[in-house]
């Protein structure tokens, strides 16, 4: 069971593009993940960093955990609803454009000592 979780919904970025950023931080300590995301230029990186910060704040406030002892236990990006738009084509026709959204789910937990386990 995770120590604390955070969910950010309806982020205006494609899930496929966001998962490329997600793979950079999966399973890493929180401080290392924050550093990695702060140097990422992607829009998904900024949103993911805010979600991780919120999960860490939840762990600090609710479970009285220390920021240095946390790692990203579970991180998932699910597809949200698509906004459909139309693009004008020749002969009065149109093509559909799908504006995709994502839901970010982040869970953090305490780092367990390898000597104890």
N, C-alpha and C. Protein backbone atom coordinates (compact mmCIF):
# COMPACT_ATOMS: atom_id res chain seq x y z
N UNK A 1 0.84 -1.18 0.00
CA UNK A 1 0.00 0.00 0.00
C UNK A 1 0.89 1.24 0.00
N UNK A 2 0.53 2.19 -0.80
CA UNK A 2 1.32 3.41 -0.91
C UNK A 2 1.06 4.32 0.29
N UNK A 3 2.06 5.12 0.60
CA UNK A 3 1.96 6.04 1.73
C UNK A 3 1.02 7.20 1.40
N UNK A 4 1.16 7.76 0.20
CA UNK A 4 0.31 8.88 -0.23
C UNK A 4 0.17 8.85 -1.75
N UNK A 5 -0.96 9.33 -2.24
CA UNK A 5 -1.21 9.37 -3.67
C UNK A 5 -1.71 10.75 -4.08
N UNK A 6 -1.65 11.00 -5.36
CA UNK A 6 -2.19 12.23 -5.93
C UNK A 6 -2.65 11.93 -7.34
N UNK A 7 -3.77 12.51 -7.74
CA UNK A 7 -4.31 12.33 -9.09
C UNK A 7 -4.53 13.69 -9.71
N UNK A 8 -4.02 13.89 -10.90
CA UNK A 8 -4.28 15.10 -11.67
C UNK A 8 -5.05 14.68 -12.91
N UNK A 9 -6.21 15.28 -13.11
CA UNK A 9 -7.07 14.87 -14.22
C UNK A 9 -7.14 15.95 -15.30
N UNK A 10 -7.45 15.50 -16.50
CA UNK A 10 -7.73 16.36 -17.65
C UNK A 10 -6.55 17.25 -18.04
N UNK A 11 -5.35 16.71 -18.02
CA UNK A 11 -4.17 17.44 -18.45
C UNK A 11 -4.15 17.43 -19.98
N UNK A 12 -4.01 18.58 -20.59
CA UNK A 12 -4.10 18.72 -22.04
C UNK A 12 -2.79 18.32 -22.72
N UNK A 13 -2.46 17.04 -22.62
CA UNK A 13 -1.30 16.49 -23.30
C UNK A 13 -1.64 15.04 -23.65
N UNK A 14 -1.13 14.58 -24.75
CA UNK A 14 -1.40 13.23 -25.21
C UNK A 14 -0.78 12.21 -24.25
N UNK A 15 -1.50 11.13 -23.92
CA UNK A 15 -0.94 10.13 -23.02
C UNK A 15 0.33 9.49 -23.55
N UNK A 16 0.41 9.32 -24.84
CA UNK A 16 1.60 8.69 -25.43
C UNK A 16 2.84 9.57 -25.24
N UNK A 17 2.68 10.87 -25.40
CA UNK A 17 3.81 11.78 -25.19
C UNK A 17 4.16 11.89 -23.71
N UNK A 18 3.16 11.84 -22.86
CA UNK A 18 3.41 11.94 -21.42
C UNK A 18 4.12 10.71 -20.88
N UNK A 19 3.85 9.55 -21.46
CA UNK A 19 4.49 8.32 -20.97
C UNK A 19 5.98 8.31 -21.26
N UNK A 20 6.43 9.06 -22.26
CA UNK A 20 7.86 9.17 -22.51
C UNK A 20 8.56 9.86 -21.35
N UNK A 21 7.93 10.85 -20.78
CA UNK A 21 8.48 11.56 -19.63
C UNK A 21 8.35 10.71 -18.37
N UNK A 22 7.26 9.98 -18.25
CA UNK A 22 7.00 9.14 -17.09
C UNK A 22 8.10 8.11 -16.88
N UNK A 23 8.62 7.55 -17.96
CA UNK A 23 9.64 6.51 -17.85
C UNK A 23 10.95 7.04 -17.29
N UNK A 24 11.14 8.35 -17.27
CA UNK A 24 12.36 8.92 -16.71
C UNK A 24 12.40 8.82 -15.19
N UNK A 25 11.24 8.83 -14.54
CA UNK A 25 11.20 8.96 -13.08
C UNK A 25 10.62 7.76 -12.35
N UNK A 26 10.20 6.73 -13.04
CA UNK A 26 9.57 5.59 -12.39
C UNK A 26 10.55 4.88 -11.45
N UNK A 27 10.17 4.73 -10.18
CA UNK A 27 10.97 4.01 -9.20
C UNK A 27 12.12 4.79 -8.59
N UNK A 28 12.28 6.05 -8.92
CA UNK A 28 13.41 6.83 -8.41
C UNK A 28 13.03 7.54 -7.11
N UNK A 29 14.04 7.93 -6.32
CA UNK A 29 13.75 8.77 -5.15
C UNK A 29 13.14 10.09 -5.58
N UNK A 30 12.34 10.67 -4.71
CA UNK A 30 11.57 11.86 -5.05
C UNK A 30 12.47 13.03 -5.43
N UNK A 31 13.53 13.25 -4.68
CA UNK A 31 14.41 14.39 -4.98
C UNK A 31 15.08 14.23 -6.35
N UNK A 32 15.48 13.02 -6.68
CA UNK A 32 16.08 12.76 -7.98
C UNK A 32 15.05 12.92 -9.10
N UNK A 33 13.82 12.48 -8.86
CA UNK A 33 12.75 12.61 -9.85
C UNK A 33 12.42 14.08 -10.10
N UNK A 34 12.39 14.89 -9.03
CA UNK A 34 12.09 16.32 -9.18
C UNK A 34 13.18 17.02 -9.98
N UNK A 35 14.43 16.67 -9.71
CA UNK A 35 15.54 17.25 -10.46
C UNK A 35 15.45 16.89 -11.93
N UNK A 36 15.15 15.63 -12.21
CA UNK A 36 15.03 15.16 -13.59
C UNK A 36 13.91 15.90 -14.32
N UNK A 37 12.78 16.07 -13.66
CA UNK A 37 11.63 16.72 -14.31
C UNK A 37 11.81 18.23 -14.45
N UNK A 38 12.59 18.83 -13.57
CA UNK A 38 12.79 20.28 -13.68
C UNK A 38 13.67 20.63 -14.88
N UNK A 39 14.46 19.67 -15.36
CA UNK A 39 15.30 19.91 -16.54
C UNK A 39 14.69 19.35 -17.83
N UNK A 40 13.44 18.93 -17.77
CA UNK A 40 12.74 18.42 -18.95
C UNK A 40 11.94 19.55 -19.58
N UNK A 41 12.00 19.65 -20.89
CA UNK A 41 11.34 20.75 -21.59
C UNK A 41 9.87 20.47 -21.89
N UNK A 42 9.44 19.23 -21.74
CA UNK A 42 8.08 18.86 -22.14
C UNK A 42 7.02 19.47 -21.22
N UNK A 43 5.86 19.70 -21.79
CA UNK A 43 4.71 20.18 -21.04
C UNK A 43 4.27 19.13 -20.02
N UNK A 44 4.38 17.87 -20.39
CA UNK A 44 4.01 16.79 -19.49
C UNK A 44 4.93 16.75 -18.28
N UNK A 45 6.17 17.13 -18.44
CA UNK A 45 7.12 17.14 -17.34
C UNK A 45 6.74 18.13 -16.26
N UNK A 46 6.26 19.30 -16.66
CA UNK A 46 5.84 20.30 -15.69
C UNK A 46 4.61 19.82 -14.91
N UNK A 47 3.65 19.24 -15.61
CA UNK A 47 2.43 18.75 -14.95
C UNK A 47 2.74 17.56 -14.04
N UNK A 48 3.63 16.70 -14.47
CA UNK A 48 4.00 15.54 -13.68
C UNK A 48 4.77 15.95 -12.43
N UNK A 49 5.59 16.97 -12.54
CA UNK A 49 6.35 17.47 -11.39
C UNK A 49 5.39 18.04 -10.34
N UNK A 50 4.38 18.76 -10.77
CA UNK A 50 3.39 19.30 -9.84
C UNK A 50 2.62 18.17 -9.14
N UNK A 51 2.32 17.11 -9.87
CA UNK A 51 1.60 15.99 -9.29
C UNK A 51 2.46 15.28 -8.25
N UNK A 52 3.75 15.10 -8.54
CA UNK A 52 4.65 14.46 -7.57
C UNK A 52 4.80 15.34 -6.34
N UNK A 53 4.92 16.66 -6.53
CA UNK A 53 5.01 17.57 -5.39
C UNK A 53 3.78 17.48 -4.50
N UNK A 54 2.62 17.35 -5.11
CA UNK A 54 1.39 17.24 -4.35
C UNK A 54 1.34 15.92 -3.57
N UNK A 55 1.79 14.83 -4.18
CA UNK A 55 1.82 13.54 -3.49
C UNK A 55 2.79 13.58 -2.32
N UNK A 56 3.92 14.25 -2.49
CA UNK A 56 4.89 14.39 -1.40
C UNK A 56 4.30 15.24 -0.27
N UNK A 57 3.61 16.30 -0.62
CA UNK A 57 2.97 17.14 0.39
C UNK A 57 1.90 16.35 1.15
N UNK A 58 1.17 15.49 0.46
CA UNK A 58 0.19 14.64 1.13
C UNK A 58 0.87 13.70 2.11
N UNK A 59 2.02 13.14 1.73
CA UNK A 59 2.75 12.23 2.61
C UNK A 59 3.31 12.97 3.82
N UNK A 60 3.78 14.20 3.61
CA UNK A 60 4.33 14.97 4.72
C UNK A 60 3.24 15.38 5.71
N UNK A 61 2.10 15.78 5.21
CA UNK A 61 1.03 16.27 6.08
C UNK A 61 0.23 15.14 6.73
N UNK A 62 -0.10 14.11 5.97
CA UNK A 62 -0.99 13.07 6.48
C UNK A 62 -0.24 11.96 7.22
N UNK A 63 0.92 11.58 6.72
CA UNK A 63 1.65 10.45 7.31
C UNK A 63 2.92 10.89 8.04
N UNK A 64 3.17 12.20 8.09
CA UNK A 64 4.34 12.76 8.75
C UNK A 64 5.64 12.13 8.26
N UNK A 65 5.75 11.98 6.96
CA UNK A 65 6.94 11.40 6.34
C UNK A 65 7.94 12.51 6.00
N UNK A 66 9.19 12.12 5.85
CA UNK A 66 10.25 13.04 5.47
C UNK A 66 10.44 12.97 3.95
N UNK A 67 10.59 14.10 3.32
CA UNK A 67 10.74 14.19 1.87
C UNK A 67 11.95 13.38 1.37
N UNK A 68 13.01 13.32 2.17
CA UNK A 68 14.23 12.62 1.75
C UNK A 68 14.06 11.10 1.75
N UNK A 69 13.07 10.58 2.47
CA UNK A 69 12.88 9.14 2.59
C UNK A 69 11.83 8.59 1.64
N UNK A 70 11.37 9.37 0.69
CA UNK A 70 10.30 8.94 -0.21
C UNK A 70 10.83 8.60 -1.60
N UNK A 71 10.14 7.68 -2.26
CA UNK A 71 10.42 7.36 -3.66
C UNK A 71 9.10 7.20 -4.40
N UNK A 72 9.18 7.25 -5.72
CA UNK A 72 7.99 7.14 -6.57
C UNK A 72 7.66 5.65 -6.71
N UNK A 73 6.66 5.20 -5.97
CA UNK A 73 6.32 3.78 -5.97
C UNK A 73 5.53 3.39 -7.21
N UNK A 74 4.49 4.15 -7.49
CA UNK A 74 3.64 3.87 -8.65
C UNK A 74 3.40 5.17 -9.39
N UNK A 75 3.51 5.10 -10.69
CA UNK A 75 3.22 6.27 -11.52
C UNK A 75 2.55 5.76 -12.79
N UNK A 76 1.42 6.36 -13.11
CA UNK A 76 0.61 5.85 -14.22
C UNK A 76 -0.02 7.02 -14.95
N UNK A 77 -0.13 6.89 -16.25
CA UNK A 77 -0.83 7.90 -17.05
C UNK A 77 -1.93 7.20 -17.83
N UNK A 78 -3.14 7.60 -17.56
CA UNK A 78 -4.31 7.02 -18.23
C UNK A 78 -4.86 8.03 -19.24
N UNK A 79 -5.56 7.51 -20.22
CA UNK A 79 -6.16 8.37 -21.24
C UNK A 79 -7.43 8.99 -20.68
N UNK A 80 -7.59 10.28 -20.92
CA UNK A 80 -8.80 10.99 -20.55
C UNK A 80 -9.70 11.16 -21.76
N UNK A 81 -10.72 11.97 -21.65
CA UNK A 81 -11.60 12.19 -22.80
C UNK A 81 -10.92 13.00 -23.89
N UNK A 82 -11.38 12.81 -25.11
CA UNK A 82 -10.84 13.54 -26.26
C UNK A 82 -11.81 14.65 -26.64
N UNK A 83 -11.26 15.82 -26.91
CA UNK A 83 -12.05 16.90 -27.47
C UNK A 83 -11.98 16.75 -28.98
N UNK A 84 -13.12 16.80 -29.65
CA UNK A 84 -13.10 16.67 -31.10
C UNK A 84 -13.28 18.04 -31.73
N UNK A 85 -12.46 18.31 -32.70
CA UNK A 85 -12.52 19.55 -33.46
C UNK A 85 -12.57 19.19 -34.94
N UNK A 86 -13.01 20.13 -35.75
CA UNK A 86 -13.10 19.88 -37.19
C UNK A 86 -12.12 20.77 -37.93
N UNK A 87 -11.60 20.24 -39.00
CA UNK A 87 -10.65 20.95 -39.84
C UNK A 87 -11.25 20.99 -41.25
N UNK A 88 -11.37 22.16 -41.83
CA UNK A 88 -12.00 22.30 -43.15
C UNK A 88 -11.14 21.66 -44.23
N UNK A 89 -11.80 20.93 -45.12
CA UNK A 89 -11.14 20.27 -46.24
C UNK A 89 -11.80 20.73 -47.54
N UNK A 90 -11.34 20.20 -48.63
CA UNK A 90 -11.88 20.61 -49.93
C UNK A 90 -13.29 20.06 -50.16
N UNK A 91 -14.02 20.70 -51.04
CA UNK A 91 -15.37 20.32 -51.44
C UNK A 91 -16.36 20.31 -50.27
N UNK A 92 -16.15 21.20 -49.32
CA UNK A 92 -17.09 21.34 -48.21
C UNK A 92 -17.00 20.24 -47.17
N UNK A 93 -16.00 19.42 -47.25
CA UNK A 93 -15.86 18.34 -46.27
C UNK A 93 -15.05 18.81 -45.07
N UNK A 94 -14.92 17.92 -44.13
CA UNK A 94 -14.09 18.24 -42.96
C UNK A 94 -13.40 16.98 -42.45
N UNK A 95 -12.31 17.20 -41.74
CA UNK A 95 -11.59 16.11 -41.08
C UNK A 95 -11.65 16.35 -39.59
N UNK A 96 -11.69 15.28 -38.85
CA UNK A 96 -11.78 15.39 -37.41
C UNK A 96 -10.38 15.46 -36.79
N UNK A 97 -10.26 16.29 -35.77
CA UNK A 97 -9.03 16.41 -35.00
C UNK A 97 -9.38 16.01 -33.56
N UNK A 98 -8.59 15.12 -32.99
CA UNK A 98 -8.82 14.70 -31.61
C UNK A 98 -7.78 15.37 -30.71
N UNK A 99 -8.26 16.17 -29.76
CA UNK A 99 -7.39 16.80 -28.76
C UNK A 99 -7.43 15.90 -27.53
N UNK A 100 -6.35 15.19 -27.30
CA UNK A 100 -6.34 14.17 -26.26
C UNK A 100 -5.96 14.76 -24.90
N UNK A 101 -6.50 14.14 -23.85
CA UNK A 101 -6.18 14.54 -22.48
C UNK A 101 -5.67 13.33 -21.71
N UNK A 102 -5.06 13.59 -20.56
CA UNK A 102 -4.47 12.53 -19.74
C UNK A 102 -4.86 12.70 -18.29
N UNK A 103 -4.84 11.59 -17.56
CA UNK A 103 -4.98 11.58 -16.11
C UNK A 103 -3.68 11.04 -15.53
N UNK A 104 -3.05 11.78 -14.61
CA UNK A 104 -1.80 11.36 -13.97
C UNK A 104 -2.12 10.79 -12.59
N UNK A 105 -1.56 9.63 -12.27
CA UNK A 105 -1.71 9.01 -10.96
C UNK A 105 -0.31 8.75 -10.41
N UNK A 106 0.00 9.32 -9.25
CA UNK A 106 1.32 9.17 -8.63
C UNK A 106 1.14 8.69 -7.20
N UNK A 107 1.90 7.66 -6.81
CA UNK A 107 1.91 7.16 -5.44
C UNK A 107 3.35 7.14 -4.95
N UNK A 108 3.56 7.65 -3.75
CA UNK A 108 4.90 7.66 -3.14
C UNK A 108 4.88 6.80 -1.89
N UNK A 109 6.04 6.27 -1.54
CA UNK A 109 6.17 5.42 -0.37
C UNK A 109 7.55 5.63 0.23
N UNK A 110 7.76 5.14 1.47
CA UNK A 110 9.05 5.27 2.12
C UNK A 110 10.03 4.27 1.53
N UNK A 111 11.30 4.67 1.46
CA UNK A 111 12.37 3.78 1.00
C UNK A 111 12.67 2.81 2.13
N UNK A 112 12.65 1.51 1.82
CA UNK A 112 12.96 0.48 2.80
C UNK A 112 14.46 0.19 2.76
N UNK A 113 15.08 0.01 3.92
CA UNK A 113 16.49 -0.35 3.96
C UNK A 113 16.67 -1.77 3.43
N UNK A 114 17.72 -1.95 2.63
CA UNK A 114 17.98 -3.27 2.06
C UNK A 114 18.51 -4.24 3.12
N UNK A 115 19.13 -3.75 4.17
CA UNK A 115 19.65 -4.61 5.23
C UNK A 115 18.53 -5.23 6.06
N UNK A 116 17.44 -4.47 6.25
CA UNK A 116 16.31 -4.98 7.06
C UNK A 116 15.54 -6.06 6.32
N UNK A 117 15.36 -5.89 5.00
CA UNK A 117 14.52 -6.79 4.23
C UNK A 117 15.23 -8.00 3.83
